[in-house]
Amino acid sequence: TGLQVIRQIVTHESGCTDTLTQVVDVVPLVTYFLPNAFTPNGDGVNDGYRGEGEMNGARDFQFQVWNRYGEIIFETTDPYEAWNGQKNNVGALAPEGVYIVYVNYVTPRGQPVKLKGYATLIR
């Protein structure tokens, strides 16, 4: 990704050459979306809640899950770590219901991204 200098040199069968140089901006791909529900019941399907997407080059990632009482019950700076439905992934089981999810990160080009979503925990 980034600015790349592309140079093409063409040689004709008679020996004449020509050169063309272009600067191409290869934009890094960063995509991230939040699902709306998960079922942490140990069956191996949808047991963890996390966003999905392509995060190569993203930085300053922050993921938080809040309950309806205004408590952060899970947070991470790793875009590939999932919430397992327990407080801080080790504590008591969180009850069924809807949780608020906040995600912040900075794209490789320095653009801040702020996402807000809702995660429905189904047991």
PDB file of N, CA and C in Angstrom:
ATOM      1  N   THR A   1       0.841  -1.184   0.000  1.00  0.00           N
ATOM      2  CA  THR A   1       0.000   0.000   0.000  1.00  0.00           C
ATOM      3  C   THR A   1       0.879   1.239   0.000  1.00  0.00           C
ATOM      4  N   GLY A   2       0.291   2.365  -0.293  1.00  0.00           N
ATOM      5  CA  GLY A   2       1.030   3.621  -0.346  1.00  0.00           C
ATOM      6  C   GLY A   2       1.342   4.011  -1.779  1.00  0.00           C
ATOM      7  N   LEU A   3       2.167   5.026  -1.917  1.00  0.00           N
ATOM      8  CA  LEU A   3       2.551   5.499  -3.242  1.00  0.00           C
ATOM      9  C   LEU A   3       3.598   4.566  -3.844  1.00  0.00           C
ATOM     10  N   GLN A   4       3.313   4.097  -5.042  1.00  0.00           N
ATOM     11  CA  GLN A   4       4.210   3.187  -5.745  1.00  0.00           C
ATOM     12  C   GLN A   4       4.560   3.805  -7.102  1.00  0.00           C
ATOM     13  N   VAL A   5       5.835   3.765  -7.445  1.00  0.00           N
ATOM     14  CA  VAL A   5       6.279   4.255  -8.751  1.00  0.00           C
ATOM     15  C   VAL A   5       6.301   3.060  -9.701  1.00  0.00           C
ATOM     16  N   ILE A   6       5.521   3.168 -10.760  1.00  0.00           N
ATOM     17  CA  ILE A   6       5.433   2.110 -11.759  1.00  0.00           C
ATOM     18  C   ILE A   6       6.115   2.617 -13.028  1.00  0.00           C
ATOM     19  N   ARG A   7       7.064   1.837 -13.527  1.00  0.00           N
ATOM     20  CA  ARG A   7       7.790   2.236 -14.730  1.00  0.00           C
ATOM     21  C   ARG A   7       7.690   1.108 -15.752  1.00  0.00           C
ATOM     22  N   GLN A   8       7.270   1.473 -16.951  1.00  0.00           N
ATOM     23  CA  GLN A   8       7.188   0.502 -18.042  1.00  0.00           C
ATOM     24  C   GLN A   8       8.162   0.941 -19.128  1.00  0.00           C
ATOM     25  N   ILE A   9       9.012   0.011 -19.528  1.00  0.00           N
ATOM     26  CA  ILE A   9       9.964   0.273 -20.608  1.00  0.00           C
ATOM     27  C   ILE A   9       9.625  -0.682 -21.745  1.00  0.00           C
ATOM     28  N   VAL A  10       9.390  -0.099 -22.919  1.00  0.00           N
ATOM     29  CA  VAL A  10       9.014  -0.896 -24.087  1.00  0.00           C
ATOM     30  C   VAL A  10      10.116  -0.760 -25.130  1.00  0.00           C
ATOM     31  N   THR A  11      10.498  -1.886 -25.683  1.00  0.00           N
ATOM     32  CA  THR A  11      11.510  -1.891 -26.732  1.00  0.00           C
ATOM     33  C   THR A  11      10.886  -2.460 -27.994  1.00  0.00           C
ATOM     34  N   HIS A  12      10.969  -1.666 -29.073  1.00  0.00           N
ATOM     35  CA  HIS A  12      10.456  -2.107 -30.372  1.00  0.00           C
ATOM     36  C   HIS A  12      11.472  -3.054 -30.989  1.00  0.00           C
ATOM     37  N   GLU A  13      11.005  -3.911 -31.870  1.00  0.00           N
ATOM     38  CA  GLU A  13      11.915  -4.874 -32.515  1.00  0.00           C
ATOM     39  C   GLU A  13      13.037  -4.192 -33.298  1.00  0.00           C
ATOM     40  N   SER A  14      12.848  -2.916 -33.668  1.00  0.00           N
ATOM     41  CA  SER A  14      13.899  -2.192 -34.388  1.00  0.00           C
ATOM     42  C   SER A  14      14.939  -1.606 -33.430  1.00  0.00           C
ATOM     43  N   GLY A  15      14.709  -1.747 -32.096  1.00  0.00           N
ATOM     44  CA  GLY A  15      15.680  -1.261 -31.127  1.00  0.00           C
ATOM     45  C   GLY A  15      15.289   0.024 -30.438  1.00  0.00           C
ATOM     46  N   CYS A  16      14.251   0.705 -30.891  1.00  0.00           N
ATOM     47  CA  CYS A  16      13.795   1.940 -30.238  1.00  0.00           C
ATOM     48  C   CYS A  16      13.136   1.595 -28.904  1.00  0.00           C
ATOM     49  N   THR A  17      13.393   2.427 -27.896  1.00  0.00           N
ATOM     50  CA  THR A  17      12.774   2.210 -26.586  1.00  0.00           C
ATOM     51  C   THR A  17      11.978   3.437 -26.183  1.00  0.00           C
ATOM     52  N   ASP A  18      11.002   3.205 -25.329  1.00  0.00           N
ATOM     53  CA  ASP A  18      10.203   4.287 -24.760  1.00  0.00           C
ATOM     54  C   ASP A  18       9.901   3.910 -23.309  1.00  0.00           C
ATOM     55  N   THR A  19       9.810   4.918 -22.473  1.00  0.00           N
ATOM     56  CA  THR A  19       9.577   4.694 -21.044  1.00  0.00           C
ATOM     57  C   THR A  19       8.404   5.545 -20.578  1.00  0.00           C
ATOM     58  N   LEU A  20       7.570   4.945 -19.755  1.00  0.00           N
ATOM     59  CA  LEU A  20       6.451   5.662 -19.133  1.00  0.00           C
ATOM     60  C   LEU A  20       6.533   5.400 -17.640  1.00  0.00           C
ATOM     61  N   THR A  21       6.456   6.461 -16.840  1.00  0.00           N
ATOM     62  CA  THR A  21       6.487   6.339 -15.386  1.00  0.00           C
ATOM     63  C   THR A  21       5.225   6.985 -14.817  1.00  0.00           C
ATOM     64  N   GLN A  22       4.562   6.267 -13.924  1.00  0.00           N
ATOM     65  CA  GLN A  22       3.367   6.773 -13.253  1.00  0.00           C
ATOM     66  C   GLN A  22       3.488   6.489 -11.757  1.00  0.00           C
ATOM     67  N   VAL A  23       2.934   7.386 -10.955  1.00  0.00           N
ATOM     68  CA  VAL A  23       2.836   7.148  -9.516  1.00  0.00           C
ATOM     69  C   VAL A  23       1.406   6.682  -9.234  1.00  0.00           C
ATOM     70  N   VAL A  24       1.293   5.518  -8.611  1.00  0.00           N
ATOM     71  CA  VAL A  24      -0.006   4.938  -8.304  1.00  0.00           C
ATOM     72  C   VAL A  24      -0.165   4.900  -6.789  1.00  0.00           C
ATOM     73  N   ASP A  25      -1.304   5.378  -6.310  1.00  0.00           N
ATOM     74  CA  ASP A  25      -1.599   5.356  -4.882  1.00  0.00           C
ATOM     75  C   ASP A  25      -2.422   4.112  -4.574  1.00  0.00           C
ATOM     76  N   VAL A  26      -1.814   3.142  -3.897  1.00  0.00           N
ATOM     77  CA  VAL A  26      -2.511   1.919  -3.510  1.00  0.00           C
ATOM     78  C   VAL A  26      -3.084   2.163  -2.110  1.00  0.00           C
ATOM     79  N   VAL A  27      -4.399   2.328  -2.048  1.00  0.00           N
ATOM     80  CA  VAL A  27      -5.080   2.660  -0.799  1.00  0.00           C
ATOM     81  C   VAL A  27      -5.223   1.399   0.048  1.00  0.00           C
ATOM     82  N   PRO A  28      -4.807   1.451   1.328  1.00  0.00           N
ATOM     83  CA  PRO A  28      -4.952   0.274   2.186  1.00  0.00           C
ATOM     84  C   PRO A  28      -6.422  -0.005   2.470  1.00  0.00           C
ATOM     85  N   LEU A  29      -6.760  -1.280   2.486  1.00  0.00           N
ATOM     86  CA  LEU A  29      -8.137  -1.681   2.718  1.00  0.00           C
ATOM     87  C   LEU A  29      -8.341  -1.964   4.197  1.00  0.00           C
ATOM     88  N   VAL A  30      -9.213  -1.200   4.837  1.00  0.00           N
ATOM     89  CA  VAL A  30      -9.602  -1.446   6.214  1.00  0.00           C
ATOM     90  C   VAL A  30     -11.123  -1.452   6.249  1.00  0.00           C
ATOM     91  N   THR A  31     -11.687  -2.595   6.614  1.00  0.00           N
ATOM     92  CA  THR A  31     -13.132  -2.719   6.761  1.00  0.00           C
ATOM     93  C   THR A  31     -13.408  -3.386   8.099  1.00  0.00           C
ATOM     94  N   TYR A  32     -14.458  -2.985   8.768  1.00  0.00           N
ATOM     95  CA  TYR A  32     -14.795  -3.555  10.066  1.00  0.00           C
ATOM     96  C   TYR A  32     -16.282  -3.386  10.280  1.00  0.00           C
ATOM     97  N   PHE A  33     -16.955  -4.467  10.633  1.00  0.00           N
ATOM     98  CA  PHE A  33     -18.373  -4.362  10.942  1.00  0.00           C
ATOM     99  C   PHE A  33     -18.680  -5.206  12.168  1.00  0.00           C
ATOM    100  N   LEU A  34     -19.766  -4.847  12.840  1.00  0.00           N
ATOM    101  CA  LEU A  34     -20.165  -5.517  14.069  1.00  0.00           C
ATOM    102  C   LEU A  34     -21.402  -6.368  13.830  1.00  0.00           C
ATOM    103  N   PRO A  35     -21.374  -7.634  14.247  1.00  0.00           N
ATOM    104  CA  PRO A  35     -22.597  -8.432  14.169  1.00  0.00           C
ATOM    105  C   PRO A  35     -23.593  -7.933  15.215  1.00  0.00           C
ATOM    106  N   ASN A  36     -24.822  -8.436  15.179  1.00  0.00           N
ATOM    107  CA  ASN A  36     -25.820  -7.930  16.126  1.00  0.00           C
ATOM    108  C   ASN A  36     -26.194  -8.915  17.223  1.00  0.00           C
ATOM    109  N   ALA A  37     -25.693 -10.159  17.176  1.00  0.00           N
ATOM    110  CA  ALA A  37     -26.037 -11.135  18.209  1.00  0.00           C
ATOM    111  C   ALA A  37     -24.987 -12.229  18.282  1.00  0.00           C
ATOM    112  N   PHE A  38     -24.954 -12.912  19.428  1.00  0.00           N
ATOM    113  CA  PHE A  38     -24.110 -14.090  19.576  1.00  0.00           C
ATOM    114  C   PHE A  38     -24.689 -15.001  20.649  1.00  0.00           C
ATOM    115  N   THR A  39     -24.248 -16.260  20.623  1.00  0.00           N
ATOM    116  CA  THR A  39     -24.798 -17.272  21.527  1.00  0.00           C
ATOM    117  C   THR A  39     -23.655 -18.028  22.201  1.00  0.00           C
ATOM    118  N   PRO A  40     -23.151 -17.525  23.321  1.00  0.00           N
ATOM    119  CA  PRO A  40     -22.018 -18.190  23.985  1.00  0.00           C
ATOM    120  C   PRO A  40     -22.456 -19.412  24.791  1.00  0.00           C
ATOM    121  N   ASN A  41     -22.856 -20.467  24.084  1.00  0.00           N
ATOM    122  CA  ASN A  41     -23.368 -21.665  24.768  1.00  0.00           C
ATOM    123  C   ASN A  41     -22.436 -22.871  24.626  1.00  0.00           C
ATOM    124  N   GLY A  42     -21.243 -22.662  24.086  1.00  0.00           N
ATOM    125  CA  GLY A  42     -20.269 -23.732  24.012  1.00  0.00           C
ATOM    126  C   GLY A  42     -20.440 -24.705  22.861  1.00  0.00           C
ATOM    127  N   ASP A  43     -21.315 -24.384  21.892  1.00  0.00           N
ATOM    128  CA  ASP A  43     -21.517 -25.308  20.770  1.00  0.00           C
ATOM    129  C   ASP A  43     -20.542 -25.079  19.618  1.00  0.00           C
ATOM    130  N   GLY A  44     -19.659 -24.106  19.771  1.00  0.00           N
ATOM    131  CA  GLY A  44     -18.670 -23.837  18.727  1.00  0.00           C
ATOM    132  C   GLY A  44     -19.144 -22.923  17.611  1.00  0.00           C
ATOM    133  N   VAL A  45     -20.387 -22.454  17.690  1.00  0.00           N
ATOM    134  CA  VAL A  45     -20.949 -21.560  16.677  1.00  0.00           C
ATOM    135  C   VAL A  45     -21.361 -20.259  17.359  1.00  0.00           C
ATOM    136  N   ASN A  46     -20.804 -19.138  16.931  1.00  0.00           N
ATOM    137  CA  ASN A  46     -21.134 -17.815  17.483  1.00  0.00           C
ATOM    138  C   ASN A  46     -20.928 -17.744  18.993  1.00  0.00           C
ATOM    139  N   ASP A  47     -19.895 -18.392  19.504  1.00  0.00           N
ATOM    140  CA  ASP A  47     -19.648 -18.387  20.947  1.00  0.00           C
ATOM    141  C   ASP A  47     -18.962 -17.119  21.434  1.00  0.00           C
ATOM    142  N   GLY A  48     -18.366 -16.357  20.536  1.00  0.00           N
ATOM    143  CA  GLY A  48     -17.691 -15.120  20.912  1.00  0.00           C
ATOM    144  C   GLY A  48     -18.216 -13.959  20.095  1.00  0.00           C
ATOM    145  N   TYR A  49     -18.167 -12.775  20.692  1.00  0.00           N
ATOM    146  CA  TYR A  49     -18.634 -11.577  19.996  1.00  0.00           C
ATOM    147  C   TYR A  49     -17.435 -10.694  19.682  1.00  0.00           C
ATOM    148  N   ARG A  50     -17.243 -10.433  18.406  1.00  0.00           N
ATOM    149  CA  ARG A  50     -16.205  -9.509  17.943  1.00  0.00           C
ATOM    150  C   ARG A  50     -16.590  -9.028  16.562  1.00  0.00           C
ATOM    151  N   GLY A  51     -15.957  -7.962  16.156  1.00  0.00           N
ATOM    152  CA  GLY A  51     -16.173  -7.473  14.812  1.00  0.00           C
ATOM    153  C   GLY A  51     -15.432  -8.329  13.803  1.00  0.00           C
ATOM    154  N   GLU A  52     -15.789  -8.152  12.566  1.00  0.00           N
ATOM    155  CA  GLU A  52     -15.155  -8.878  11.468  1.00  0.00           C
ATOM    156  C   GLU A  52     -14.697  -7.869  10.427  1.00  0.00           C
ATOM    157  N   GLY A  53     -13.652  -8.224   9.727  1.00  0.00           N
ATOM    158  CA  GLY A  53     -13.201  -7.365   8.648  1.00  0.00           C
ATOM    159  C   GLY A  53     -11.705  -7.451   8.445  1.00  0.00           C
ATOM    160  N   GLU A  54     -11.204  -6.538   7.664  1.00  0.00           N
ATOM    161  CA  GLU A  54      -9.788  -6.448   7.307  1.00  0.00           C
ATOM    162  C   GLU A  54      -9.199  -5.270   8.063  1.00  0.00           C
ATOM    163  N   MET A  55      -8.273  -5.549   8.982  1.00  0.00           N
ATOM    164  CA  MET A  55      -7.735  -4.495   9.839  1.00  0.00           C
ATOM    165  C   MET A  55      -6.235  -4.263   9.641  1.00  0.00           C
ATOM    166  N   ASN A  56      -5.663  -4.733   8.533  1.00  0.00           N
ATOM    167  CA  ASN A  56      -4.232  -4.543   8.295  1.00  0.00           C
ATOM    168  C   ASN A  56      -3.883  -3.064   8.238  1.00  0.00           C
ATOM    169  N   GLY A  57      -2.985  -2.655   9.109  1.00  0.00           N
ATOM    170  CA  GLY A  57      -2.533  -1.268   9.130  1.00  0.00           C
ATOM    171  C   GLY A  57      -3.310  -0.367  10.059  1.00  0.00           C
ATOM    172  N   ALA A  58      -4.438  -0.835  10.594  1.00  0.00           N
ATOM    173  CA  ALA A  58      -5.193  -0.016  11.548  1.00  0.00           C
ATOM    174  C   ALA A  58      -4.409   0.053  12.858  1.00  0.00           C
ATOM    175  N   ARG A  59      -4.580   1.141  13.580  1.00  0.00           N
ATOM    176  CA  ARG A  59      -3.861   1.288  14.849  1.00  0.00           C
ATOM    177  C   ARG A  59      -4.763   1.936  15.892  1.00  0.00           C
ATOM    178  N   ASP A  60      -4.313   1.945  17.126  1.00  0.00           N
ATOM    179  CA  ASP A  60      -5.038   2.521  18.259  1.00  0.00           C
ATOM    180  C   ASP A  60      -6.440   1.924  18.390  1.00  0.00           C
ATOM    181  N   PHE A  61      -6.546   0.613  18.208  1.00  0.00           N
ATOM    182  CA  PHE A  61      -7.831  -0.075  18.266  1.00  0.00           C
ATOM    183  C   PHE A  61      -8.322  -0.178  19.700  1.00  0.00           C
ATOM    184  N   GLN A  62      -9.607   0.109  19.895  1.00  0.00           N
ATOM    185  CA  GLN A  62     -10.234  -0.026  21.207  1.00  0.00           C
ATOM    186  C   GLN A  62     -11.645  -0.564  21.008  1.00  0.00           C
ATOM    187  N   PHE A  63     -11.984  -1.626  21.733  1.00  0.00           N
ATOM    188  CA  PHE A  63     -13.280  -2.303  21.642  1.00  0.00           C
ATOM    189  C   PHE A  63     -13.833  -2.404  23.059  1.00  0.00           C
ATOM    190  N   GLN A  64     -15.054  -1.895  23.280  1.00  0.00           N
ATOM    191  CA  GLN A  64     -15.663  -1.924  24.605  1.00  0.00           C
ATOM    192  C   GLN A  64     -17.093  -2.437  24.511  1.00  0.00           C
ATOM    193  N   VAL A  65     -17.475  -3.233  25.515  1.00  0.00           N
ATOM    194  CA  VAL A  65     -18.853  -3.699  25.659  1.00  0.00           C
ATOM    195  C   VAL A  65     -19.360  -3.163  26.992  1.00  0.00           C
ATOM    196  N   TRP A  66     -20.515  -2.488  26.940  1.00  0.00           N
ATOM    197  CA  TRP A  66     -21.125  -1.875  28.120  1.00  0.00           C
ATOM    198  C   TRP A  66     -22.470  -2.535  28.389  1.00  0.00           C
ATOM    199  N   ASN A  67     -22.801  -2.682  29.676  1.00  0.00           N
ATOM    200  CA  ASN A  67     -24.126  -3.187  30.012  1.00  0.00           C
ATOM    201  C   ASN A  67     -25.093  -2.019  30.204  1.00  0.00           C
ATOM    202  N   ARG A  68     -26.337  -2.322  30.494  1.00  0.00           N
ATOM    203  CA  ARG A  68     -27.357  -1.260  30.600  1.00  0.00           C
ATOM    204  C   ARG A  68     -27.202  -0.393  31.837  1.00  0.00           C
ATOM    205  N   TYR A  69     -26.307  -0.778  32.751  1.00  0.00           N
ATOM    206  CA  TYR A  69     -26.069   0.020  33.959  1.00  0.00           C
ATOM    207  C   TYR A  69     -24.869   0.944  33.809  1.00  0.00           C
ATOM    208  N   GLY A  70     -24.296   0.983  32.620  1.00  0.00           N
ATOM    209  CA  GLY A  70     -23.171   1.873  32.363  1.00  0.00           C
ATOM    210  C   GLY A  70     -21.825   1.314  32.788  1.00  0.00           C
ATOM    211  N   GLU A  71     -21.730  -0.002  32.959  1.00  0.00           N
ATOM    212  CA  GLU A  71     -20.468  -0.631  33.320  1.00  0.00           C
ATOM    213  C   GLU A  71     -19.799  -1.218  32.078  1.00  0.00           C
ATOM    214  N   ILE A  72     -18.492  -1.037  31.992  1.00  0.00           N
ATOM    215  CA  ILE A  72     -17.736  -1.731  30.948  1.00  0.00           C
ATOM    216  C   ILE A  72     -17.557  -3.167  31.436  1.00  0.00           C
ATOM    217  N   ILE A  73     -18.064  -4.117  30.675  1.00  0.00           N
ATOM    218  CA  ILE A  73     -17.924  -5.510  31.099  1.00  0.00           C
ATOM    219  C   ILE A  73     -16.875  -6.258  30.275  1.00  0.00           C
ATOM    220  N   PHE A  74     -16.416  -5.646  29.197  1.00  0.00           N
ATOM    221  CA  PHE A  74     -15.321  -6.233  28.426  1.00  0.00           C
ATOM    222  C   PHE A  74     -14.672  -5.135  27.611  1.00  0.00           C
ATOM    223  N   GLU A  75     -13.340  -5.183  27.526  1.00  0.00           N
ATOM    224  CA  GLU A  75     -12.624  -4.294  26.612  1.00  0.00           C
ATOM    225  C   GLU A  75     -11.317  -4.924  26.192  1.00  0.00           C
ATOM    226  N   THR A  76     -10.886  -4.555  24.996  1.00  0.00           N
ATOM    227  CA  THR A  76      -9.643  -5.080  24.444  1.00  0.00           C
ATOM    228  C   THR A  76      -9.069  -4.088  23.437  1.00  0.00           C
ATOM    229  N   THR A  77      -7.780  -4.242  23.191  1.00  0.00           N
ATOM    230  CA  THR A  77      -7.116  -3.463  22.143  1.00  0.00           C
ATOM    231  C   THR A  77      -6.713  -4.370  20.983  1.00  0.00           C
ATOM    232  N   ASP A  78      -7.137  -5.632  21.043  1.00  0.00           N
ATOM    233  CA  ASP A  78      -6.835  -6.618  19.996  1.00  0.00           C
ATOM    234  C   ASP A  78      -8.077  -6.803  19.121  1.00  0.00           C
ATOM    235  N   PRO A  79      -8.034  -6.422  17.842  1.00  0.00           N
ATOM    236  CA  PRO A  79      -9.228  -6.529  16.999  1.00  0.00           C
ATOM    237  C   PRO A  79      -9.691  -7.961  16.757  1.00  0.00           C
ATOM    238  N   TYR A  80      -8.880  -8.946  17.125  1.00  0.00           N
ATOM    239  CA  TYR A  80      -9.250 -10.346  16.887  1.00  0.00           C
ATOM    240  C   TYR A  80      -9.663 -11.079  18.162  1.00  0.00           C
ATOM    241  N   GLU A  81      -9.682 -10.376  19.285  1.00  0.00           N
ATOM    242  CA  GLU A  81     -10.120 -10.984  20.540  1.00  0.00           C
ATOM    243  C   GLU A  81     -11.634 -10.823  20.678  1.00  0.00           C
ATOM    244  N   ALA A  82     -12.304 -11.888  21.098  1.00  0.00           N
ATOM    245  CA  ALA A  82     -13.763 -11.881  21.201  1.00  0.00           C
ATOM    246  C   ALA A  82     -14.209 -11.856  22.663  1.00  0.00           C
ATOM    247  N   TRP A  83     -15.383 -11.279  22.895  1.00  0.00           N
ATOM    248  CA  TRP A  83     -16.030 -11.324  24.206  1.00  0.00           C
ATOM    249  C   TRP A  83     -16.770 -12.648  24.300  1.00  0.00           C
ATOM    250  N   ASN A  84     -16.582 -13.377  25.387  1.00  0.00           N
ATOM    251  CA  ASN A  84     -17.191 -14.694  25.529  1.00  0.00           C
ATOM    252  C   ASN A  84     -18.488 -14.702  26.338  1.00  0.00           C
ATOM    253  N   GLY A  85     -18.993 -13.528  26.702  1.00  0.00           N
ATOM    254  CA  GLY A  85     -20.241 -13.460  27.459  1.00  0.00           C
ATOM    255  C   GLY A  85     -20.052 -13.454  28.959  1.00  0.00           C
ATOM    256  N   GLN A  86     -18.814 -13.347  29.413  1.00  0.00           N
ATOM    257  CA  GLN A  86     -18.524 -13.246  30.835  1.00  0.00           C
ATOM    258  C   GLN A  86     -17.912 -11.882  31.120  1.00  0.00           C
ATOM    259  N   LYS A  87     -18.038 -11.441  32.370  1.00  0.00           N
ATOM    260  CA  LYS A  87     -17.427 -10.168  32.734  1.00  0.00           C
ATOM    261  C   LYS A  87     -15.910 -10.301  32.602  1.00  0.00           C
ATOM    262  N   ASN A  88     -15.322  -9.448  31.786  1.00  0.00           N
ATOM    263  CA  ASN A  88     -13.879  -9.447  31.491  1.00  0.00           C
ATOM    264  C   ASN A  88     -13.377 -10.803  30.990  1.00  0.00           C
ATOM    265  N   ASN A  89     -14.251 -11.585  30.395  1.00  0.00           N
ATOM    266  CA  ASN A  89     -13.951 -12.913  29.838  1.00  0.00           C
ATOM    267  C   ASN A  89     -13.534 -13.946  30.882  1.00  0.00           C
ATOM    268  N   VAL A  90     -13.616 -13.616  32.165  1.00  0.00           N
ATOM    269  CA  VAL A  90     -13.255 -14.570  33.209  1.00  0.00           C
ATOM    270  C   VAL A  90     -14.237 -14.578  34.372  1.00  0.00           C
ATOM    271  N   GLY A  91     -15.060 -13.576  34.486  1.00  0.00           N
ATOM    272  CA  GLY A  91     -15.940 -13.430  35.644  1.00  0.00           C
ATOM    273  C   GLY A  91     -17.270 -14.135  35.468  1.00  0.00           C
ATOM    274  N   ALA A  92     -18.254 -13.583  36.141  1.00  0.00           N
ATOM    275  CA  ALA A  92     -19.605 -14.149  36.126  1.00  0.00           C
ATOM    276  C   ALA A  92     -20.213 -14.046  34.724  1.00  0.00           C
ATOM    277  N   LEU A  93     -21.120 -14.976  34.434  1.00  0.00           N
ATOM    278  CA  LEU A  93     -21.830 -14.938  33.158  1.00  0.00           C
ATOM    279  C   LEU A  93     -22.694 -13.688  33.085  1.00  0.00           C
ATOM    280  N   ALA A  94     -22.636 -13.016  31.968  1.00  0.00           N
ATOM    281  CA  ALA A  94     -23.490 -11.851  31.754  1.00  0.00           C
ATOM    282  C   ALA A  94     -24.892 -12.354  31.409  1.00  0.00           C
ATOM    283  N   PRO A  95     -25.924 -11.662  31.880  1.00  0.00           N
ATOM    284  CA  PRO A  95     -27.282 -12.112  31.565  1.00  0.00           C
ATOM    285  C   PRO A  95     -27.653 -11.867  30.106  1.00  0.00           C
ATOM    286  N   GLU A  96     -28.649 -12.609  29.642  1.00  0.00           N
ATOM    287  CA  GLU A  96     -29.168 -12.362  28.296  1.00  0.00           C
ATOM    288  C   GLU A  96     -29.607 -10.914  28.200  1.00  0.00           C
ATOM    289  N   GLY A  97     -29.502 -10.372  27.003  1.00  0.00           N
ATOM    290  CA  GLY A  97     -29.945  -9.005  26.806  1.00  0.00           C
ATOM    291  C   GLY A  97     -29.143  -8.293  25.740  1.00  0.00           C
ATOM    292  N   VAL A  98     -29.353  -6.994  25.680  1.00  0.00           N
ATOM    293  CA  VAL A  98     -28.708  -6.153  24.678  1.00  0.00           C
ATOM    294  C   VAL A  98     -27.612  -5.340  25.353  1.00  0.00           C
ATOM    295  N   TYR A  99     -26.452  -5.321  24.714  1.00  0.00           N
ATOM    296  CA  TYR A  99     -25.283  -4.604  25.217  1.00  0.00           C
ATOM    297  C   TYR A  99     -24.844  -3.585  24.181  1.00  0.00           C
ATOM    298  N   ILE A 100     -24.268  -2.493  24.650  1.00  0.00           N
ATOM    299  CA  ILE A 100     -23.775  -1.442  23.757  1.00  0.00           C
ATOM    300  C   ILE A 100     -22.300  -1.715  23.474  1.00  0.00           C
ATOM    301  N   VAL A 101     -21.910  -1.570  22.223  1.00  0.00           N
ATOM    302  CA  VAL A 101     -20.532  -1.828  21.802  1.00  0.00           C
ATOM    303  C   VAL A 101     -19.968  -0.559  21.161  1.00  0.00           C
ATOM    304  N   TYR A 102     -18.795  -0.152  21.622  1.00  0.00           N
ATOM    305  CA  TYR A 102     -18.083   0.979  21.036  1.00  0.00           C
ATOM    306  C   TYR A 102     -16.753   0.477  20.478  1.00  0.00           C
ATOM    307  N   VAL A 103     -16.435   0.914  19.271  1.00  0.00           N
ATOM    308  CA  VAL A 103     -15.162   0.571  18.642  1.00  0.00           C
ATOM    309  C   VAL A 103     -14.545   1.859  18.103  1.00  0.00           C
ATOM    310  N   ASN A 104     -13.274   2.047  18.401  1.00  0.00           N
ATOM    311  CA  ASN A 104     -12.513   3.183  17.877  1.00  0.00           C
ATOM    312  C   ASN A 104     -11.199   2.654  17.324  1.00  0.00           C
ATOM    313  N   TYR A 105     -10.800   3.197  16.190  1.00  0.00           N
ATOM    314  CA  TYR A 105      -9.485   2.895  15.637  1.00  0.00           C
ATOM    315  C   TYR A 105      -9.110   3.987  14.648  1.00  0.00           C
ATOM    316  N   VAL A 106      -7.868   3.957  14.223  1.00  0.00           N
ATOM    317  CA  VAL A 106      -7.347   4.917  13.263  1.00  0.00           C
ATOM    318  C   VAL A 106      -6.907   4.133  12.028  1.00  0.00           C
ATOM    319  N   THR A 107      -7.341   4.577  10.854  1.00  0.00           N
ATOM    320  CA  THR A 107      -6.970   3.905   9.612  1.00  0.00           C
ATOM    321  C   THR A 107      -5.491   4.143   9.305  1.00  0.00           C
ATOM    322  N   PRO A 108      -4.920   3.372   8.385  1.00  0.00           N
ATOM    323  CA  PRO A 108      -3.508   3.581   8.034  1.00  0.00           C
ATOM    324  C   PRO A 108      -3.220   4.989   7.520  1.00  0.00           C
ATOM    325  N   ARG A 109      -4.226   5.672   7.006  1.00  0.00           N
ATOM    326  CA  ARG A 109      -4.034   7.038   6.517  1.00  0.00           C
ATOM    327  C   ARG A 109      -4.338   8.086   7.583  1.00  0.00           C
ATOM    328  N   GLY A 110      -4.564   7.650   8.841  1.00  0.00           N
ATOM    329  CA  GLY A 110      -4.737   8.587   9.943  1.00  0.00           C
ATOM    330  C   GLY A 110      -6.152   9.066  10.173  1.00  0.00           C
ATOM    331  N   GLN A 111      -7.141   8.457   9.530  1.00  0.00           N
ATOM    332  CA  GLN A 111      -8.530   8.863   9.720  1.00  0.00           C
ATOM    333  C   GLN A 111      -9.120   8.124  10.918  1.00  0.00           C
ATOM    334  N   PRO A 112      -9.656   8.873  11.893  1.00  0.00           N
ATOM    335  CA  PRO A 112     -10.269   8.202  13.040  1.00  0.00           C
ATOM    336  C   PRO A 112     -11.629   7.602  12.651  1.00  0.00           C
ATOM    337  N   VAL A 113     -11.904   6.407  13.173  1.00  0.00           N
ATOM    338  CA  VAL A 113     -13.175   5.728  12.936  1.00  0.00           C
ATOM    339  C   VAL A 113     -13.804   5.430  14.288  1.00  0.00           C
ATOM    340  N   LYS A 114     -15.084   5.780  14.432  1.00  0.00           N
ATOM    341  CA  LYS A 114     -15.831   5.505  15.657  1.00  0.00           C
ATOM    342  C   LYS A 114     -17.098   4.759  15.271  1.00  0.00           C
ATOM    343  N   LEU A 115     -17.279   3.575  15.848  1.00  0.00           N
ATOM    344  CA  LEU A 115     -18.458   2.766  15.579  1.00  0.00           C
ATOM    345  C   LEU A 115     -19.203   2.522  16.874  1.00  0.00           C
ATOM    346  N   LYS A 116     -20.530   2.470  16.762  1.00  0.00           N
ATOM    347  CA  LYS A 116     -21.383   2.123  17.888  1.00  0.00           C
ATOM    348  C   LYS A 116     -22.351   1.053  17.404  1.00  0.00           C
ATOM    349  N   GLY A 117     -22.503   0.007  18.191  1.00  0.00           N
ATOM    350  CA  GLY A 117     -23.413  -1.046  17.815  1.00  0.00           C
ATOM    351  C   GLY A 117     -24.079  -1.654  19.038  1.00  0.00           C
ATOM    352  N   TYR A 118     -24.952  -2.608  18.783  1.00  0.00           N
ATOM    353  CA  TYR A 118     -25.663  -3.310  19.848  1.00  0.00           C
ATOM    354  C   TYR A 118     -25.449  -4.800  19.668  1.00  0.00           C
ATOM    355  N   ALA A 119     -25.093  -5.472  20.747  1.00  0.00           N
ATOM    356  CA  ALA A 119     -24.879  -6.914  20.715  1.00  0.00           C
ATOM    357  C   ALA A 119     -25.951  -7.567  21.574  1.00  0.00           C
ATOM    358  N   THR A 120     -26.707  -8.463  20.985  1.00  0.00           N
ATOM    359  CA  THR A 120     -27.705  -9.207  21.733  1.00  0.00           C
ATOM    360  C   THR A 120     -27.090 -10.531  22.163  1.00  0.00           C
ATOM    361  N   LEU A 121     -27.012 -10.744  23.471  1.00  0.00           N
ATOM    362  CA  LEU A 121     -26.490 -11.977  24.023  1.00  0.00           C
ATOM    363  C   LEU A 121     -27.675 -12.928  24.218  1.00  0.00           C
ATOM    364  N   ILE A 122     -27.605 -14.099  23.569  1.00  0.00           N
ATOM    365  CA  ILE A 122     -28.676 -15.097  23.637  1.00  0.00           C
ATOM    366  C   ILE A 122     -28.077 -16.358  24.243  1.00  0.00           C
ATOM    367  N   ARG A 123     -28.644 -16.826  25.335  1.00  0.00           N
ATOM    368  CA  ARG A 123     -28.141 -18.059  25.969  1.00  0.00           C
ATOM    369  C   ARG A 123     -29.031 -19.222  25.607  1.00  0.00           C
TER     370      ARG A 123
END
